């Protein structure tokens, strides 16, 4: 399944586990609540979706990488307790509370919320010394002598053996007590997430043209060659920062994030093209409505990949303006002017219509605006007649309506 479907399954599972009967007892008792096991390649968003589920349900989230724990920190430290059995005093080994279990109580006390998700990452890379205690925890929700509090749901994640030499195979007895969800890398699903995260348009434009480069893991003579979703997102952040500071982004920089030689070289060449397009088309002129006739002629004659790049450049610049207006304090006289940005949107439509007509580039422009939360928030405050007319004609209303309802609910 893709990561979006995995999120739905986690969301539904947590809701079911937190459901209570008329007496206030959980419909599914703690011991019968199977932990979720997300298995999928690194960097596809397993941690992110668990965080999103916790936020959407309004419950706590405590997250650990199990590889950072020793047996002592997980189950607690031993101490001697003296007891009397049959009139005879004996010394008994007890344990302090597990650091992990204690953190659940601490979080509930701090937030006042008694329910939450405990997320244990890299679950199948546990050390030899910790493995028996972890298996007991997965099966019985107990670390040492302390039980996980009711209202807390256990979600775990790990990578398949192909991606990590430290992976341990769980036996059937353990797997039979878990809900295993196998997740695959899917660019189409990740793209929706990437748009909301503000991933650099050069990354999106490149992957739109070459989706096969989104996720690659290969073994060569010099070891692993790989590129992951996390690599693309982190590279995007570096590109944003470098552009702001005027720093170069060359093949060396790109290759440190995209550790697949072919992909890094290919994207580096594309990014050089992207910078050339930026210089030639000048998005500032497009949004100001001062585009020279030569630029229109160039845009009309451009190949598909160049057209796609320009539309995404324009959309990205607009959305950054939208975000600034949305976040502005109305009392701040230096805040961005919404009416001025509204005019920039009209100029963007002028350019797309004049350069490309009502072809696929217009649909791409509309789709990008419809997917971006900051654009939809802005359009609710500054309605654009052309956007709504075109969207009604070319786009399905379901996704747009759902996004607008979500925005209204969070205002």
Protein backbone atom coordinates (compact mmCIF):
# COMPACT_ATOMS: atom_id res chain seq x y z
CA UNK A 1 0.00 0.00 0.00
CA UNK A 2 1.05 3.64 -0.32
CA UNK A 3 1.74 5.90 2.66
CA UNK A 4 -1.60 7.68 2.31
CA UNK A 5 -3.51 4.41 2.72
CA UNK A 6 -1.24 3.48 5.63
CA UNK A 7 -2.15 6.75 7.33
CA UNK A 8 -5.85 5.95 6.92
CA UNK A 9 -5.33 2.53 8.48
CA UNK A 10 -3.45 4.03 11.44
CA UNK A 11 -6.13 6.70 11.88
CA UNK A 12 -8.96 4.15 11.84
CA UNK A 13 -7.09 1.77 14.14
CA UNK A 14 -6.36 4.43 16.76
CA UNK A 15 -9.98 5.59 16.69
CA UNK A 16 -11.17 2.01 17.16
CA UNK A 17 -8.74 1.37 20.02
CA UNK A 18 -9.84 4.56 21.79
CA UNK A 19 -13.57 3.85 21.42
CA UNK A 20 -15.37 3.26 24.74
CA UNK A 21 -18.55 1.48 25.75
CA UNK A 22 -21.43 2.92 27.79
CA UNK A 23 -19.52 2.27 31.03
CA UNK A 24 -16.44 4.16 29.86
CA UNK A 25 -14.34 1.05 29.26
CA UNK A 26 -12.34 0.63 26.07
CA UNK A 27 -14.22 -1.54 23.57
CA UNK A 28 -10.96 -3.34 22.74
CA UNK A 29 -8.94 -4.03 25.93
CA UNK A 30 -5.29 -2.96 26.00
CA UNK A 31 -3.93 -6.51 25.76
CA UNK A 32 -6.07 -7.15 22.67
CA UNK A 33 -4.95 -3.99 20.90
CA UNK A 34 -2.48 -5.24 18.33
CA UNK A 35 0.47 -2.87 17.85
CA UNK A 36 0.75 -1.52 14.31
CA UNK A 37 3.94 -2.45 12.46
CA UNK A 38 4.77 -0.18 9.51
CA UNK A 39 7.33 -1.81 7.25
CA UNK A 40 8.67 0.23 4.35
CA UNK A 41 11.77 1.78 2.81
CA UNK A 42 13.45 4.70 4.60
CA UNK A 43 12.39 8.27 4.03
CA UNK A 44 8.84 7.69 2.71
CA UNK A 45 7.05 9.46 5.57
CA UNK A 46 6.30 6.74 8.13
CA UNK A 47 7.13 9.01 11.06
CA UNK A 48 5.33 11.98 9.49
CA UNK A 49 2.00 10.19 9.09
CA UNK A 50 2.01 8.96 12.69
CA UNK A 51 2.56 12.56 13.82
CA UNK A 52 -0.27 13.72 11.56
CA UNK A 53 -2.65 11.12 13.01
CA UNK A 54 -1.88 12.22 16.57
CA UNK A 55 -2.43 15.86 15.64
CA UNK A 56 -5.69 15.18 13.80
CA UNK A 57 -7.11 13.14 16.70
CA UNK A 58 -5.90 15.56 19.35
CA UNK A 59 -3.93 12.94 21.29
CA UNK A 60 -0.38 12.88 22.62
CA UNK A 61 2.60 11.57 20.67
CA UNK A 62 5.75 10.17 22.25
CA UNK A 63 8.36 9.01 19.75
CA UNK A 64 11.53 6.97 20.24
CA UNK A 65 14.03 5.19 18.06
CA UNK A 66 14.44 1.85 19.78
CA UNK A 67 18.07 1.66 18.64
CA UNK A 68 18.87 4.51 21.05
CA UNK A 69 17.85 2.42 24.04
CA UNK A 70 19.70 -0.09 26.14
CA UNK A 71 18.05 -2.84 28.12
CA UNK A 72 18.37 -0.73 31.27
CA UNK A 73 16.77 2.43 29.85
CA UNK A 74 13.92 0.43 28.31
CA UNK A 75 12.96 -1.84 31.21
CA UNK A 76 14.36 0.18 34.15
CA UNK A 77 17.22 -0.33 36.59
CA UNK A 78 17.20 -3.20 39.10
CA UNK A 79 17.06 -2.61 42.83
CA UNK A 80 16.66 -4.89 45.86
CA UNK A 81 13.32 -4.97 47.66
CA UNK A 82 12.94 -6.84 50.96
CA UNK A 83 9.75 -8.86 51.46
CA UNK A 84 8.45 -11.42 53.91
CA UNK A 85 7.13 -14.77 52.65
CA UNK A 86 5.94 -17.41 55.15
CA UNK A 87 7.51 -15.49 58.00
CA UNK A 88 10.90 -15.36 56.31
CA UNK A 89 12.41 -12.16 54.92
CA UNK A 90 13.84 -12.44 51.41
CA UNK A 91 15.55 -10.08 48.97
CA UNK A 92 13.68 -9.62 45.67
CA UNK A 93 14.87 -7.87 42.52
CA UNK A 94 12.52 -5.08 41.39
CA UNK A 95 12.92 -2.52 38.61
CA UNK A 96 12.55 1.22 38.43
CA UNK A 97 10.02 2.42 35.89
CA UNK A 98 11.09 2.21 32.25
CA UNK A 99 12.19 5.53 30.75
CA UNK A 100 9.76 4.89 27.90
CA UNK A 101 6.78 4.12 30.14
CA UNK A 102 7.61 7.05 32.44
CA UNK A 103 7.58 9.41 29.46
CA UNK A 104 3.97 8.44 28.73
CA UNK A 105 2.88 9.39 32.23
CA UNK A 106 4.97 12.58 32.10
CA UNK A 107 3.40 13.60 28.79
CA UNK A 108 -0.13 13.00 30.05
CA UNK A 109 0.59 15.04 33.17
CA UNK A 110 2.06 17.89 31.15
CA UNK A 111 -0.73 18.08 28.54
CA UNK A 112 -3.70 16.98 30.61
CA UNK A 113 -4.54 14.50 27.84
CA UNK A 114 -4.69 10.86 28.97
CA UNK A 115 -4.58 9.25 25.53
CA UNK A 116 -1.83 9.12 22.95
CA UNK A 117 0.39 7.22 20.55
CA UNK A 118 3.71 5.68 21.51
CA UNK A 119 5.75 5.45 18.31
CA UNK A 120 8.80 3.16 18.32
CA UNK A 121 10.90 3.52 15.18
CA UNK A 122 13.51 1.07 13.85
CA UNK A 123 11.71 -1.62 15.82
CA UNK A 124 13.32 -4.49 13.94
CA UNK A 125 16.87 -3.22 14.61
CA UNK A 126 16.71 -3.82 18.34
CA UNK A 127 19.87 -5.01 20.09
CA UNK A 128 20.37 -8.60 21.22
CA UNK A 129 20.17 -7.64 24.89
CA UNK A 130 16.96 -5.67 24.51
CA UNK A 131 15.16 -8.04 22.10
CA UNK A 132 13.51 -10.35 24.72
CA UNK A 133 12.15 -7.40 26.71
CA UNK A 134 10.90 -5.72 23.55
CA UNK A 135 9.07 -8.84 22.39
CA UNK A 136 7.38 -9.02 25.79
CA UNK A 137 6.36 -5.38 25.40
CA UNK A 138 4.91 -5.95 21.94
CA UNK A 139 2.91 -8.91 23.21
CA UNK A 140 1.91 -7.82 26.70
CA UNK A 141 2.49 -4.00 26.76
CA UNK A 142 4.86 -4.41 29.74
CA UNK A 143 8.45 -3.20 30.13
CA UNK A 144 10.05 -4.76 33.19
CA UNK A 145 7.28 -4.76 35.81
CA UNK A 146 5.46 -1.67 34.51
CA UNK A 147 2.54 -1.73 32.10
CA UNK A 148 1.82 0.84 29.41
CA UNK A 149 -1.09 3.03 30.63
CA UNK A 150 -4.51 2.51 29.12
CA UNK A 151 -5.38 5.00 26.40
CA UNK A 152 -1.95 4.77 24.80
CA UNK A 153 -1.68 3.06 21.43
CA UNK A 154 1.53 1.38 20.26
CA UNK A 155 2.64 2.08 16.68
CA UNK A 156 6.00 0.80 15.41
CA UNK A 157 8.00 1.09 12.21
CA UNK A 158 10.97 -0.52 10.55
CA UNK A 159 12.78 -0.99 7.25
CA UNK A 160 12.87 -4.19 5.18
CA UNK A 161 16.13 -6.21 5.37
CA UNK A 162 17.16 -4.96 1.92
CA UNK A 163 17.73 -1.49 3.38
CA UNK A 164 19.36 -2.30 6.71
CA UNK A 165 21.82 -5.06 7.63
CA UNK A 166 20.84 -4.78 11.31
CA UNK A 167 17.25 -5.89 10.75
CA UNK A 168 15.98 -8.78 12.87
CA UNK A 169 13.24 -11.03 11.56
CA UNK A 170 10.27 -11.32 13.92
CA UNK A 171 8.96 -14.83 14.51
CA UNK A 172 5.40 -15.87 13.72
CA UNK A 173 4.37 -15.73 17.39
CA UNK A 174 5.29 -12.04 17.52
CA UNK A 175 3.91 -11.12 14.10
CA UNK A 176 0.64 -12.85 14.99
CA UNK A 177 0.19 -10.26 17.72
CA UNK A 178 0.77 -7.25 15.45
CA UNK A 179 -0.94 -5.46 12.56
CA UNK A 180 1.65 -5.43 9.80
CA UNK A 181 1.26 -2.75 7.12
CA UNK A 182 3.70 -2.97 4.21
CA UNK A 183 4.27 0.45 2.65
CA UNK A 184 5.75 1.21 -0.78
CA UNK A 185 7.31 4.39 -2.14
CA UNK A 186 4.81 6.21 -4.39
CA UNK A 187 5.72 9.51 -6.02
CA UNK A 188 2.13 10.53 -6.78
CA UNK A 189 1.16 10.24 -3.12
CA UNK A 190 4.37 11.88 -1.88
CA UNK A 191 3.89 14.81 -4.25
CA UNK A 192 0.71 15.90 -2.46
CA UNK A 193 2.64 15.90 0.81
CA UNK A 194 5.57 17.69 -0.84
CA UNK A 195 3.36 20.49 -2.15
CA UNK A 196 1.97 21.14 1.33
CA UNK A 197 5.51 21.10 2.76
CA UNK A 198 6.67 23.69 0.23
CA UNK A 199 9.21 21.44 -1.48
CA UNK A 200 11.20 23.46 -4.02
CA UNK A 201 9.45 23.64 -7.41
CA UNK A 202 12.62 22.54 -9.21
CA UNK A 203 12.41 19.22 -7.35
CA UNK A 204 8.73 18.80 -8.20
CA UNK A 205 9.21 19.78 -11.83
CA UNK A 206 12.11 17.35 -12.22
CA UNK A 207 10.24 14.45 -10.61
CA UNK A 208 7.10 15.20 -12.61
CA UNK A 209 9.20 14.66 -15.71
CA UNK A 210 11.22 11.72 -14.31
CA UNK A 211 9.15 9.98 -11.60
CA UNK A 212 11.33 6.87 -11.93
CA UNK A 213 14.11 8.85 -10.18
CA UNK A 214 12.01 9.45 -7.06
CA UNK A 215 13.14 6.38 -5.14
CA UNK A 216 16.08 4.20 -6.14
CA UNK A 217 18.21 1.80 -4.12
CA UNK A 218 20.88 -0.16 -5.96
CA UNK A 219 24.07 -1.98 -5.01
CA UNK A 220 27.16 -1.26 -7.06
CA UNK A 221 30.87 -2.03 -6.84
CA UNK A 222 31.34 0.88 -4.43
CA UNK A 223 28.39 -0.02 -2.22
CA UNK A 224 24.85 1.29 -2.01
CA UNK A 225 23.58 3.90 -4.45
CA UNK A 226 20.30 5.38 -3.29
CA UNK A 227 17.91 8.29 -3.39
CA UNK A 228 14.91 8.52 -1.07
CA UNK A 229 11.95 10.80 -0.42
CA UNK A 230 13.76 12.17 2.63
CA UNK A 231 16.75 13.00 0.43
CA UNK A 232 14.59 15.05 -1.95
CA UNK A 233 12.92 16.94 0.89
CA UNK A 234 16.19 17.73 2.66
CA UNK A 235 17.79 18.79 -0.62
CA UNK A 236 14.84 21.12 -1.18
CA UNK A 237 15.52 22.84 2.15
CA UNK A 238 19.17 23.29 1.22
CA UNK A 239 18.25 24.75 -2.17
CA UNK A 240 15.86 27.23 -0.54
CA UNK A 241 18.49 28.33 1.97
CA UNK A 242 21.26 28.51 -0.64
CA UNK A 243 19.16 30.62 -3.03
CA UNK A 244 18.34 33.03 -0.22
CA UNK A 245 22.02 33.37 0.72
CA UNK A 246 23.35 33.37 -2.84
CA UNK A 247 25.27 30.13 -2.36
CA UNK A 248 25.93 27.67 -5.21
CA UNK A 249 24.08 24.37 -5.47
CA UNK A 250 26.22 22.15 -7.65
CA UNK A 251 26.59 18.43 -8.24
CA UNK A 252 28.68 18.01 -5.09
CA UNK A 253 25.96 19.52 -2.91
CA UNK A 254 23.22 17.61 -4.70
CA UNK A 255 25.17 14.34 -4.51
CA UNK A 256 25.45 14.62 -0.73
CA UNK A 257 21.65 14.37 -0.54
CA UNK A 258 20.91 12.21 -3.57
CA UNK A 259 23.39 9.42 -3.03
CA UNK A 260 22.71 7.85 -6.40
CA UNK A 261 25.34 9.02 -8.88
CA UNK A 262 23.15 8.94 -11.99
CA UNK A 263 20.22 10.72 -10.32
CA UNK A 264 22.42 13.38 -8.73
CA UNK A 265 24.14 14.13 -12.04
CA UNK A 266 20.82 14.27 -13.89
CA UNK A 267 19.18 16.58 -11.37
CA UNK A 268 22.24 18.82 -11.25
CA UNK A 269 21.96 19.30 -15.01
CA UNK A 270 18.24 20.00 -14.69
CA UNK A 271 18.78 22.51 -11.89
CA UNK A 272 21.21 24.43 -14.12
CA UNK A 273 18.42 24.61 -16.70
CA UNK A 274 16.01 25.75 -14.00
CA UNK A 275 18.29 28.65 -13.06
CA UNK A 276 18.57 29.61 -16.73
CA UNK A 277 14.76 29.60 -17.04
CA UNK A 278 14.52 31.84 -13.97
CA UNK A 279 16.91 34.35 -15.50
CA UNK A 280 15.22 34.32 -18.91
CA UNK A 281 11.58 34.47 -17.84
CA UNK A 282 11.82 36.69 -14.74
CA UNK A 283 8.82 35.66 -12.63
CA UNK A 284 8.79 39.14 -11.06
CA UNK A 285 7.93 40.61 -14.48
CA UNK A 286 5.20 38.01 -14.99
CA UNK A 287 3.55 38.85 -11.67
CA UNK A 288 3.93 42.58 -12.30
CA UNK A 289 2.27 42.28 -15.72
CA UNK A 290 5.32 43.69 -17.54
CA UNK A 291 6.28 40.71 -19.69
CA UNK A 292 8.10 41.70 -22.92
CA UNK A 293 6.72 40.28 -26.21
CA UNK A 294 9.95 38.29 -26.69
CA UNK A 295 9.24 36.32 -23.50
CA UNK A 296 5.74 35.43 -24.70
CA UNK A 297 7.19 34.21 -27.99
CA UNK A 298 9.79 32.13 -26.16
CA UNK A 299 7.17 30.64 -23.83
CA UNK A 300 4.93 29.67 -26.74
CA UNK A 301 7.78 27.90 -28.54
CA UNK A 302 9.15 26.18 -25.43
CA UNK A 303 9.16 22.37 -25.04
CA UNK A 304 6.92 20.69 -22.49
CA UNK A 305 9.50 20.41 -19.69
CA UNK A 306 10.32 24.12 -19.95
CA UNK A 307 6.63 25.05 -19.86
CA UNK A 308 6.09 22.91 -16.78
CA UNK A 309 9.04 24.54 -15.06
CA UNK A 310 7.77 28.06 -15.70
CA UNK A 311 4.26 27.29 -14.43
CA UNK A 312 5.69 25.83 -11.22
CA UNK A 313 8.02 28.83 -10.80
CA UNK A 314 5.08 31.21 -11.07
CA UNK A 315 2.94 29.13 -8.71
CA UNK A 316 5.68 28.87 -6.10
CA UNK A 317 6.33 32.63 -6.11
CA UNK A 318 2.62 33.37 -5.87
CA UNK A 319 2.12 30.93 -3.01
CA UNK A 320 4.91 32.53 -1.04
CA UNK A 321 3.14 35.85 -1.48
CA UNK A 322 -0.16 34.25 -0.45
CA UNK A 323 1.43 32.81 2.70
CA UNK A 324 2.84 36.21 3.66
CA UNK A 325 -0.57 37.86 3.31
CA UNK A 326 -2.32 35.06 5.21
CA UNK A 327 0.10 35.36 8.13
CA UNK A 328 0.14 39.15 8.24
CA UNK A 329 -1.19 41.14 11.19
CA UNK A 330 -3.93 43.48 9.89
CA UNK A 331 -2.65 46.19 12.24
CA UNK A 332 0.85 46.03 10.72
CA UNK A 333 1.16 48.81 8.15
CA UNK A 334 4.28 47.18 6.67
CA UNK A 335 2.52 43.85 6.06
CA UNK A 336 2.11 42.57 2.48
CA UNK A 337 -0.84 44.10 0.68
CA UNK A 338 -3.50 41.51 -0.18
CA UNK A 339 -4.95 43.63 -2.98
CA UNK A 340 -1.52 43.91 -4.60
CA UNK A 341 -1.02 40.14 -4.43
CA UNK A 342 -4.53 39.73 -5.84
CA UNK A 343 -3.35 41.75 -8.86
CA UNK A 344 -0.29 39.48 -9.16
CA UNK A 345 -2.59 36.46 -9.42
CA UNK A 346 -4.51 38.16 -12.24
CA UNK A 347 -1.23 38.89 -14.04
CA UNK A 348 -0.24 35.22 -13.64
CA UNK A 349 -3.49 34.19 -15.31
CA UNK A 350 -2.82 36.74 -18.07
CA UNK A 351 0.57 35.18 -18.75
CA UNK A 352 -0.61 31.56 -18.74
CA UNK A 353 -3.56 32.37 -21.03
CA UNK A 354 -1.47 34.45 -23.45
CA UNK A 355 1.51 32.08 -23.54
CA UNK A 356 -0.23 28.71 -23.49
CA UNK A 357 -3.95 29.26 -24.11
CA UNK A 358 -6.36 26.98 -22.31
CA UNK A 359 -4.18 23.93 -22.65
CA UNK A 360 -2.55 21.57 -20.14
CA UNK A 361 -0.39 24.35 -18.69
CA UNK A 362 -3.52 26.16 -17.50
CA UNK A 363 -4.80 22.94 -15.94
CA UNK A 364 -1.43 22.45 -14.23
CA UNK A 365 -1.59 26.00 -12.87
CA UNK A 366 -5.14 25.47 -11.56
CA UNK A 367 -4.23 22.10 -10.05
CA UNK A 368 -1.24 23.53 -8.20
CA UNK A 369 -3.34 26.38 -6.78
CA UNK A 370 -6.03 23.92 -5.72
CA UNK A 371 -3.52 21.68 -3.93
CA UNK A 372 -1.82 24.42 -1.96
CA UNK A 373 -3.37 25.33 1.38
CA UNK A 374 -1.94 28.85 1.36
CA UNK A 375 -3.51 29.50 -2.06
CA UNK A 376 -6.93 28.27 -0.96
CA UNK A 377 -6.78 30.34 2.24
CA UNK A 378 -5.89 33.44 0.22
CA UNK A 379 -8.64 32.80 -2.35
CA UNK A 380 -11.25 32.58 0.39
CA UNK A 381 -10.29 36.11 1.49
CA UNK A 382 -9.61 37.46 -2.02
CA UNK A 383 -11.86 35.55 -4.46
CA UNK A 384 -10.57 35.34 -8.02
CA UNK A 385 -13.34 34.99 -10.58
CA UNK A 386 -11.08 33.47 -13.23
CA UNK A 387 -9.79 30.82 -10.84
CA UNK A 388 -13.26 29.70 -9.82
CA UNK A 389 -14.59 29.78 -13.39
CA UNK A 390 -11.71 27.68 -14.71
CA UNK A 391 -11.69 25.35 -11.72
CA UNK A 392 -15.40 24.64 -12.14
CA UNK A 393 -14.77 23.81 -15.79
CA UNK A 394 -11.55 21.82 -15.62
CA UNK A 395 -11.17 20.44 -12.10
CA UNK A 396 -13.15 18.07 -9.90
CA UNK A 397 -14.69 19.99 -7.02
CA UNK A 398 -14.40 17.21 -4.43
CA UNK A 399 -10.76 17.70 -3.45
CA UNK A 400 -11.07 21.50 -3.53
CA UNK A 401 -14.19 21.47 -1.32
CA UNK A 402 -12.55 19.08 1.15
CA UNK A 403 -9.47 21.29 1.40
CA UNK A 404 -11.55 24.45 1.94
CA UNK A 405 -13.61 22.76 4.66
CA UNK A 406 -10.39 21.67 6.36
CA UNK A 407 -9.06 25.23 6.24
CA UNK A 408 -12.28 26.66 7.70
CA UNK A 409 -12.20 24.10 10.52
CA UNK A 410 -8.69 25.23 11.48
CA UNK A 411 -9.20 29.00 11.30
